[in-house]
Amino acid sequence: MLQYASVVGLVKMILIIMLIYFGIKILARLFAPFLVKYVAKKAEQRFGDQFGQFQGRQQEKPKKEGEVSIDKMPNTKTSNKDVGDYVDYEEID
């Protein structure tokens, strides 16, 4: 036996979906400022910690005037010398 959806059931389903949608929208407007504050506070804390670590490293090593220190070694580029032979050529008119 075939069962057809009733119009009343369809209207109920549409109303429930709309109620859920608008409910989530209203809750998002209420809680969005708190969420943004929380995220901004955490980002500020993270950046502050990184800045503090940087300041700590700078203050650890007092330097005399004219003293040079290297914190990071530069990346050395190695080239493969066995790529091929160099051939000198001349243009012919």
N, C-alpha and C. Protein backbone atom coordinates (compact mmCIF):
# COMPACT_ATOMS: atom_id res chain seq x y z
N MET A 1 0.83 -1.17 0.00
CA MET A 1 0.00 0.00 0.00
C MET A 1 0.88 1.24 0.00
N LEU A 2 0.59 2.20 -0.82
CA LEU A 2 1.37 3.42 -0.92
C LEU A 2 0.91 4.42 0.12
N GLN A 3 1.91 5.10 0.71
CA GLN A 3 1.58 6.14 1.68
C GLN A 3 2.08 7.47 1.15
N TYR A 4 1.22 8.45 1.14
CA TYR A 4 1.58 9.77 0.67
C TYR A 4 1.77 10.70 1.86
N ALA A 5 2.73 11.63 1.73
CA ALA A 5 2.95 12.61 2.79
C ALA A 5 1.78 13.58 2.81
N SER A 6 1.33 13.86 3.99
CA SER A 6 0.21 14.78 4.10
C SER A 6 0.69 16.21 4.06
N VAL A 7 -0.17 17.10 3.72
CA VAL A 7 0.16 18.52 3.66
C VAL A 7 0.48 19.04 5.06
N VAL A 8 -0.22 18.54 6.06
CA VAL A 8 0.01 18.97 7.44
C VAL A 8 1.42 18.55 7.88
N GLY A 9 1.83 17.34 7.53
CA GLY A 9 3.18 16.88 7.89
C GLY A 9 4.25 17.70 7.20
N LEU A 10 4.02 18.06 5.95
CA LEU A 10 4.98 18.88 5.20
C LEU A 10 5.11 20.27 5.83
N VAL A 11 3.99 20.87 6.20
CA VAL A 11 4.02 22.19 6.83
C VAL A 11 4.72 22.12 8.18
N LYS A 12 4.47 21.06 8.94
CA LYS A 12 5.15 20.89 10.24
C LYS A 12 6.67 20.80 10.04
N MET A 13 7.08 20.03 9.05
CA MET A 13 8.51 19.86 8.81
C MET A 13 9.14 21.20 8.41
N ILE A 14 8.49 21.97 7.54
CA ILE A 14 9.02 23.27 7.13
C ILE A 14 9.09 24.22 8.32
N LEU A 15 8.07 24.23 9.17
CA LEU A 15 8.08 25.09 10.36
C LEU A 15 9.20 24.70 11.33
N ILE A 16 9.41 23.40 11.50
CA ILE A 16 10.49 22.95 12.40
C ILE A 16 11.85 23.37 11.85
N ILE A 17 12.06 23.22 10.55
CA ILE A 17 13.33 23.63 9.94
C ILE A 17 13.54 25.13 10.10
N MET A 18 12.50 25.92 9.87
CA MET A 18 12.62 27.37 10.02
C MET A 18 12.89 27.76 11.47
N LEU A 19 12.24 27.08 12.42
CA LEU A 19 12.45 27.36 13.83
C LEU A 19 13.91 27.06 14.23
N ILE A 20 14.43 25.95 13.76
CA ILE A 20 15.83 25.59 14.07
C ILE A 20 16.77 26.62 13.44
N TYR A 21 16.52 27.00 12.19
CA TYR A 21 17.37 27.97 11.50
C TYR A 21 17.40 29.31 12.23
N PHE A 22 16.23 29.84 12.54
CA PHE A 22 16.18 31.14 13.21
C PHE A 22 16.69 31.05 14.65
N GLY A 23 16.49 29.92 15.29
CA GLY A 23 17.03 29.73 16.64
C GLY A 23 18.55 29.77 16.65
N ILE A 24 19.15 29.08 15.69
CA ILE A 24 20.62 29.09 15.59
C ILE A 24 21.11 30.50 15.25
N LYS A 25 20.39 31.20 14.38
CA LYS A 25 20.78 32.55 14.00
C LYS A 25 20.75 33.49 15.21
N ILE A 26 19.72 33.40 16.02
CA ILE A 26 19.60 34.25 17.21
C ILE A 26 20.68 33.91 18.24
N LEU A 27 20.92 32.62 18.45
CA LEU A 27 21.96 32.21 19.40
C LEU A 27 23.34 32.66 18.92
N ALA A 28 23.56 32.61 17.63
CA ALA A 28 24.86 33.05 17.09
C ALA A 28 25.06 34.54 17.35
N ARG A 29 24.00 35.33 17.19
CA ARG A 29 24.12 36.77 17.47
C ARG A 29 24.38 37.04 18.94
N LEU A 30 23.83 36.22 19.81
CA LEU A 30 24.03 36.43 21.25
C LEU A 30 25.44 36.03 21.68
N PHE A 31 25.93 34.91 21.16
CA PHE A 31 27.21 34.39 21.65
C PHE A 31 28.41 34.78 20.80
N ALA A 32 28.21 35.39 19.64
CA ALA A 32 29.33 35.79 18.78
C ALA A 32 30.28 36.77 19.47
N PRO A 33 29.79 37.81 20.17
CA PRO A 33 30.74 38.74 20.82
C PRO A 33 31.62 38.04 21.86
N PHE A 34 31.05 37.10 22.60
CA PHE A 34 31.84 36.39 23.60
C PHE A 34 32.89 35.51 22.93
N LEU A 35 32.50 34.88 21.83
CA LEU A 35 33.43 34.03 21.10
C LEU A 35 34.57 34.85 20.50
N VAL A 36 34.25 36.02 19.94
CA VAL A 36 35.28 36.87 19.36
C VAL A 36 36.22 37.39 20.44
N LYS A 37 35.68 37.78 21.60
CA LYS A 37 36.53 38.22 22.71
C LYS A 37 37.48 37.11 23.15
N TYR A 38 36.94 35.90 23.25
CA TYR A 38 37.76 34.77 23.69
C TYR A 38 38.89 34.51 22.70
N VAL A 39 38.59 34.50 21.41
CA VAL A 39 39.61 34.24 20.40
C VAL A 39 40.66 35.36 20.39
N ALA A 40 40.22 36.60 20.52
CA ALA A 40 41.17 37.72 20.54
C ALA A 40 42.06 37.66 21.78
N LYS A 41 41.49 37.29 22.91
CA LYS A 41 42.27 37.18 24.15
C LYS A 41 43.33 36.08 24.03
N LYS A 42 42.94 34.95 23.45
CA LYS A 42 43.90 33.85 23.27
C LYS A 42 45.01 34.25 22.31
N ALA A 43 44.66 34.95 21.21
CA ALA A 43 45.68 35.38 20.24
C ALA A 43 46.62 36.39 20.89
N GLU A 44 46.07 37.31 21.67
CA GLU A 44 46.92 38.29 22.37
C GLU A 44 47.86 37.60 23.34
N GLN A 45 47.36 36.61 24.04
CA GLN A 45 48.19 35.87 24.98
C GLN A 45 49.31 35.12 24.25
N ARG A 46 48.98 34.51 23.12
CA ARG A 46 49.98 33.76 22.35
C ARG A 46 51.06 34.70 21.82
N PHE A 47 50.65 35.87 21.26
CA PHE A 47 51.63 36.81 20.75
C PHE A 47 52.47 37.39 21.89
N GLY A 48 51.86 37.61 23.04
CA GLY A 48 52.61 38.12 24.19
C GLY A 48 53.65 37.13 24.66
N ASP A 49 53.29 35.84 24.66
CA ASP A 49 54.26 34.81 25.05
C ASP A 49 55.43 34.77 24.08
N GLN A 50 55.13 34.87 22.78
CA GLN A 50 56.22 34.85 21.80
C GLN A 50 57.10 36.08 21.93
N PHE A 51 56.50 37.23 22.18
CA PHE A 51 57.28 38.45 22.35
C PHE A 51 58.15 38.35 23.60
N GLY A 52 57.60 37.76 24.65
CA GLY A 52 58.38 37.58 25.88
C GLY A 52 59.57 36.67 25.67
N GLN A 53 59.38 35.62 24.90
CA GLN A 53 60.50 34.72 24.60
C GLN A 53 61.56 35.46 23.80
N PHE A 54 61.13 36.28 22.85
CA PHE A 54 62.08 37.05 22.03
C PHE A 54 62.84 38.04 22.90
N GLN A 55 62.14 38.72 23.79
CA GLN A 55 62.79 39.68 24.69
C GLN A 55 63.78 38.97 25.61
N GLY A 56 63.41 37.78 26.08
CA GLY A 56 64.29 37.03 26.96
C GLY A 56 65.60 36.66 26.27
N ARG A 57 65.50 36.27 25.01
CA ARG A 57 66.71 35.92 24.27
C ARG A 57 67.58 37.14 24.03
N GLN A 58 66.97 38.28 23.79
CA GLN A 58 67.74 39.49 23.52
C GLN A 58 68.46 39.97 24.78
N GLN A 59 67.86 39.81 25.94
CA GLN A 59 68.44 40.32 27.17
C GLN A 59 69.43 39.33 27.79
N GLU A 60 69.43 38.08 27.37
CA GLU A 60 70.33 37.09 27.94
C GLU A 60 71.79 37.40 27.62
N LYS A 61 72.06 37.82 26.42
CA LYS A 61 73.42 37.98 25.95
C LYS A 61 73.78 39.46 25.83
N PRO A 62 74.36 40.04 26.85
CA PRO A 62 74.78 41.43 26.69
C PRO A 62 75.98 41.48 25.73
N LYS A 63 75.93 42.40 24.79
CA LYS A 63 76.99 42.48 23.79
C LYS A 63 77.80 43.75 24.00
N LYS A 64 79.05 43.61 23.76
CA LYS A 64 79.92 44.77 23.80
C LYS A 64 79.85 45.47 22.46
N GLU A 65 80.20 46.73 22.46
CA GLU A 65 80.14 47.48 21.22
C GLU A 65 81.17 46.93 20.24
N GLY A 66 80.73 46.67 19.02
CA GLY A 66 81.62 46.15 17.99
C GLY A 66 81.65 44.63 17.94
N GLU A 67 81.01 43.95 18.88
CA GLU A 67 81.01 42.49 18.90
C GLU A 67 79.98 41.97 17.90
N VAL A 68 80.33 40.94 17.17
CA VAL A 68 79.45 40.38 16.15
C VAL A 68 79.04 38.98 16.58
N SER A 69 77.75 38.70 16.49
CA SER A 69 77.29 37.34 16.79
C SER A 69 76.36 36.89 15.68
N ILE A 70 76.41 35.61 15.37
CA ILE A 70 75.58 35.03 14.32
C ILE A 70 74.60 34.07 15.00
N ASP A 71 73.31 34.38 14.90
CA ASP A 71 72.30 33.53 15.52
C ASP A 71 71.92 32.36 14.64
N LYS A 72 71.98 32.53 13.34
CA LYS A 72 71.55 31.49 12.43
C LYS A 72 72.56 31.37 11.30
N MET A 73 72.93 30.16 10.99
CA MET A 73 73.86 29.95 9.89
C MET A 73 73.09 30.08 8.58
N PRO A 74 73.66 30.76 7.60
CA PRO A 74 72.96 30.89 6.31
C PRO A 74 72.92 29.55 5.59
N ASN A 75 71.88 29.38 4.79
CA ASN A 75 71.78 28.15 4.01
C ASN A 75 72.81 28.20 2.89
N THR A 76 73.60 27.17 2.79
CA THR A 76 74.61 27.12 1.73
C THR A 76 74.01 26.38 0.55
N LYS A 77 74.16 26.97 -0.62
CA LYS A 77 73.64 26.34 -1.83
C LYS A 77 74.77 25.55 -2.46
N THR A 78 74.51 24.29 -2.66
CA THR A 78 75.51 23.45 -3.30
C THR A 78 75.11 23.26 -4.74
N SER A 79 76.05 23.37 -5.62
CA SER A 79 75.76 23.16 -7.03
C SER A 79 76.49 21.91 -7.49
N ASN A 80 75.90 21.26 -8.41
CA ASN A 80 76.48 20.03 -8.94
C ASN A 80 77.43 20.40 -10.06
N LYS A 81 78.71 20.18 -9.86
CA LYS A 81 79.73 20.56 -10.85
C LYS A 81 79.78 19.56 -12.01
N ASP A 82 79.18 18.40 -11.86
CA ASP A 82 79.24 17.38 -12.89
C ASP A 82 78.05 17.45 -13.84
N VAL A 83 77.50 18.63 -14.03
CA VAL A 83 76.32 18.76 -14.87
C VAL A 83 76.68 18.56 -16.34
N GLY A 84 77.76 19.12 -16.77
CA GLY A 84 78.15 18.97 -18.18
C GLY A 84 79.37 19.81 -18.48
N ASP A 85 79.82 19.74 -19.73
CA ASP A 85 80.99 20.49 -20.15
C ASP A 85 80.57 21.83 -20.71
N TYR A 86 81.41 22.82 -20.50
CA TYR A 86 81.17 24.14 -21.06
C TYR A 86 81.75 24.16 -22.46
N VAL A 87 80.95 24.57 -23.41
CA VAL A 87 81.41 24.63 -24.80
C VAL A 87 81.39 26.08 -25.25
N ASP A 88 82.56 26.59 -25.61
CA ASP A 88 82.67 27.94 -26.10
C ASP A 88 82.35 27.92 -27.59
N TYR A 89 81.60 28.90 -28.06
CA TYR A 89 81.22 28.91 -29.47
C TYR A 89 81.38 30.30 -30.03
N GLU A 90 81.50 30.35 -31.34
CA GLU A 90 81.58 31.63 -32.05
C GLU A 90 80.48 31.65 -33.08
N GLU A 91 79.95 32.89 -33.31
CA GLU A 91 78.95 33.02 -34.35
C GLU A 91 79.61 33.06 -35.71
N ILE A 92 78.99 32.39 -36.65
CA ILE A 92 79.50 32.40 -38.02
C ILE A 92 78.56 33.23 -38.86
N ASP A 93 79.13 34.20 -39.61
CA ASP A 93 78.29 35.07 -40.46
C ASP A 93 77.92 34.37 -41.72
